Amino acid sequence: MRTAKEISIILGVSLLIAFIFNYCHSAGIAVVGQWDTAQGVVTARAKNDIVIAGIEIENVDQAKKLYDSGNYIFVDARSVEDYETGHIPGAVSLPVGRFEENIAAFLERHPPEASIITYCSGRTCQDSHRLAENLLAFGYDNVNVFIDGFPGWEAEGHPIE
């Protein structure tokens, strides 16, 4: 009985220390995540890395209407390999992992006043949000995120390249 009590105390103290460390650390993991895809992008992001919910396009039909208007540049945040496998027609490849090396060329072709919609591999992918944050930091002020991304587009039978 004494051993069980000691194990419980050690476990409790360990958990308390872990939660305190996580709370105090700038890159700590959020204790409560957003796991419901109906609510938006699935995330358990670090506390200092927040999904920008106000810029999300949560509906494939809405994204298609914006695409059909011709007033938006669709920007693919996925890897070059994924882009080459298939993408939304006319979309520009700007992999979030290679943002620094590609942003100068992107800026030359697309002015900061351009209307941009980023996308990636669906609601479990956060690259489109990271790309949107990067573009906002570079002076683009009309940036949205298509949260269903390429899989949602393809699933609805919309054209792909």
Protein backbone atom coordinates (compact mmCIF):
# COMPACT_ATOMS: atom_id res chain seq x y z
CA MET A 1 0.00 0.00 0.00
CA ARG A 2 2.86 2.34 0.82
CA THR A 3 4.43 1.78 -2.63
CA ALA A 4 1.20 2.72 -4.42
CA LYS A 5 0.98 5.93 -2.37
CA GLU A 6 4.61 6.82 -3.19
CA ILE A 7 4.06 6.13 -6.90
CA SER A 8 0.95 8.34 -6.86
CA ILE A 9 2.85 11.19 -5.20
CA ILE A 10 5.78 10.92 -7.64
CA LEU A 11 3.39 10.81 -10.60
CA GLY A 12 1.40 13.79 -9.33
CA VAL A 13 4.51 15.90 -8.70
CA SER A 14 5.89 14.95 -12.14
CA LEU A 15 2.67 15.98 -13.88
CA LEU A 16 2.56 19.25 -11.98
CA ILE A 17 6.16 20.07 -12.97
CA ALA A 18 5.43 19.13 -16.61
CA PHE A 19 2.34 21.38 -16.78
CA ILE A 20 4.18 24.28 -15.14
CA PHE A 21 7.11 23.93 -17.55
CA ASN A 22 4.77 23.72 -20.56
CA TYR A 23 2.82 26.78 -19.37
CA CYS A 24 5.96 28.86 -18.83
CA HIS A 25 7.79 27.85 -22.00
CA SER A 26 7.17 30.15 -25.00
CA ALA A 27 6.79 27.18 -27.36
CA GLY A 28 4.66 25.13 -25.00
CA ILE A 29 1.93 22.97 -26.44
CA ALA A 30 -1.63 24.18 -26.10
CA VAL A 31 -3.45 22.10 -23.50
CA VAL A 32 -6.73 22.32 -25.41
CA GLY A 33 -6.63 21.74 -29.16
CA GLN A 34 -9.20 22.18 -31.90
CA TRP A 35 -9.94 18.69 -33.20
CA ASP A 36 -13.30 19.16 -34.92
CA THR A 37 -12.77 19.58 -38.67
CA ALA A 38 -16.25 21.08 -38.93
CA GLN A 39 -14.94 24.00 -36.86
CA GLY A 40 -11.94 24.63 -39.11
CA VAL A 41 -8.37 23.50 -39.26
CA VAL A 42 -7.41 20.74 -36.84
CA THR A 43 -4.76 22.13 -34.53
CA ALA A 44 -2.92 21.55 -31.30
CA ARG A 45 -0.52 24.31 -32.12
CA ALA A 46 1.88 25.92 -29.73
CA LYS A 47 0.42 28.74 -27.68
CA ASN A 48 2.40 31.32 -29.64
CA ASP A 49 1.36 29.94 -33.04
CA ILE A 50 -2.34 30.70 -33.52
CA VAL A 51 -4.55 29.84 -36.51
CA ILE A 52 -5.99 33.02 -38.04
CA ALA A 53 -9.62 31.95 -38.15
CA GLY A 54 -10.98 35.23 -39.56
CA ILE A 55 -9.36 34.72 -42.95
CA GLU A 56 -10.52 31.16 -43.56
CA ILE A 57 -12.66 30.08 -46.51
CA GLU A 58 -14.48 27.13 -44.99
CA ASN A 59 -16.49 26.01 -47.99
CA VAL A 60 -15.36 24.48 -51.31
CA ASP A 61 -18.26 26.13 -53.16
CA GLN A 62 -17.23 29.55 -51.88
CA ALA A 63 -13.62 28.91 -52.95
CA LYS A 64 -14.84 27.85 -56.40
CA LYS A 65 -16.90 31.05 -56.78
CA LEU A 66 -13.86 33.14 -55.88
CA TYR A 67 -11.74 31.10 -58.30
CA ASP A 68 -14.29 31.57 -61.09
CA SER A 69 -14.35 35.33 -60.51
CA GLY A 70 -10.74 35.51 -61.73
CA ASN A 71 -9.96 38.13 -59.10
CA TYR A 72 -7.86 35.89 -56.85
CA ILE A 73 -4.46 34.28 -57.10
CA PHE A 74 -4.54 30.77 -55.68
CA VAL A 75 -1.21 29.95 -54.02
CA ASP A 76 -0.25 26.37 -53.24
CA ALA A 77 1.70 26.09 -49.95
CA ARG A 78 2.55 22.41 -50.46
CA SER A 79 5.90 21.03 -51.61
CA VAL A 80 6.93 21.32 -55.26
CA GLU A 81 6.50 17.56 -55.59
CA ASP A 82 2.90 17.70 -54.35
CA TYR A 83 2.19 20.69 -56.60
CA GLU A 84 3.53 18.81 -59.64
CA THR A 85 1.41 15.77 -58.77
CA GLY A 86 -1.73 17.90 -59.00
CA HIS A 87 -2.95 21.41 -58.18
CA ILE A 88 -5.76 23.88 -58.76
CA PRO A 89 -5.46 25.17 -62.35
CA GLY A 90 -3.45 28.38 -62.55
CA ALA A 91 -2.31 28.13 -58.94
CA VAL A 92 1.15 29.46 -58.10
CA SER A 93 3.52 27.19 -56.20
CA LEU A 94 5.04 28.87 -53.13
CA PRO A 95 6.02 26.08 -50.71
CA VAL A 96 5.97 27.40 -47.18
CA GLY A 97 9.19 25.50 -46.44
CA ARG A 98 10.99 27.41 -49.18
CA PHE A 99 9.33 30.79 -48.61
CA GLU A 100 12.52 32.76 -47.97
CA GLU A 101 14.18 31.68 -51.21
CA ASN A 102 11.06 32.21 -53.37
CA ILE A 103 9.41 35.35 -51.98
CA ALA A 104 11.47 37.82 -54.06
CA ALA A 105 10.34 36.23 -57.34
CA PHE A 106 6.77 36.03 -56.05
CA LEU A 107 6.81 39.75 -55.14
CA GLU A 108 8.00 40.64 -58.64
CA ARG A 109 5.05 38.86 -60.25
CA HIS A 110 2.33 39.58 -57.71
CA PRO A 111 2.04 43.04 -56.09
CA PRO A 112 1.07 43.37 -52.40
CA GLU A 113 -2.38 44.64 -53.35
CA ALA A 114 -3.20 41.31 -55.07
CA SER A 115 -6.00 39.19 -53.63
CA ILE A 116 -4.52 35.87 -52.57
CA ILE A 117 -5.98 32.55 -51.44
CA THR A 118 -3.54 30.04 -49.98
CA TYR A 119 -4.23 26.33 -49.74
CA CYS A 120 -2.47 23.10 -48.84
CA SER A 121 -3.50 19.50 -48.11
CA GLY A 122 -6.76 20.09 -46.25
CA ARG A 123 -7.90 20.75 -42.70
CA THR A 124 -5.14 18.74 -41.07
CA CYS A 125 -2.48 20.79 -42.92
CA GLN A 126 -1.40 24.11 -41.44
CA ASP A 127 1.03 25.16 -44.19
CA SER A 128 -1.57 27.42 -45.82
CA HIS A 129 -1.97 29.33 -42.56
CA ARG A 130 1.79 29.69 -42.13
CA LEU A 131 2.08 30.90 -45.73
CA ALA A 132 -0.74 33.39 -45.19
CA GLU A 133 1.02 34.71 -42.07
CA ASN A 134 4.27 35.08 -44.04
CA LEU A 135 2.53 36.92 -46.88
CA LEU A 136 0.77 39.24 -44.43
CA ALA A 137 4.17 40.01 -42.89
CA PHE A 138 5.47 40.92 -46.38
CA GLY A 139 2.73 43.51 -46.88
CA TYR A 140 -0.02 41.53 -48.56
CA ASP A 141 -3.24 42.64 -46.91
CA ASN A 142 -5.87 40.64 -48.81
CA VAL A 143 -4.95 37.05 -47.97
CA ASN A 144 -7.38 34.23 -47.29
CA VAL A 145 -6.91 30.54 -46.52
CA PHE A 146 -8.90 27.83 -48.30
CA ILE A 147 -8.96 25.30 -45.45
CA ASP A 148 -10.24 22.29 -47.43
CA GLY A 149 -7.31 22.75 -49.79
CA PHE A 150 -6.48 20.58 -52.76
CA PRO A 151 -8.18 17.40 -51.41
CA GLY A 152 -11.46 19.25 -50.89
CA TRP A 153 -11.24 20.82 -54.34
CA GLU A 154 -10.51 17.50 -56.00
CA ALA A 155 -13.21 15.65 -54.01
CA GLU A 156 -15.86 18.04 -55.36
CA GLY A 157 -14.80 17.16 -58.91
CA HIS A 158 -13.43 20.61 -59.74
CA PRO A 159 -10.74 20.79 -62.43
CA ILE A 160 -7.14 20.04 -61.54
CA GLU A 161 -3.84 20.29 -63.38
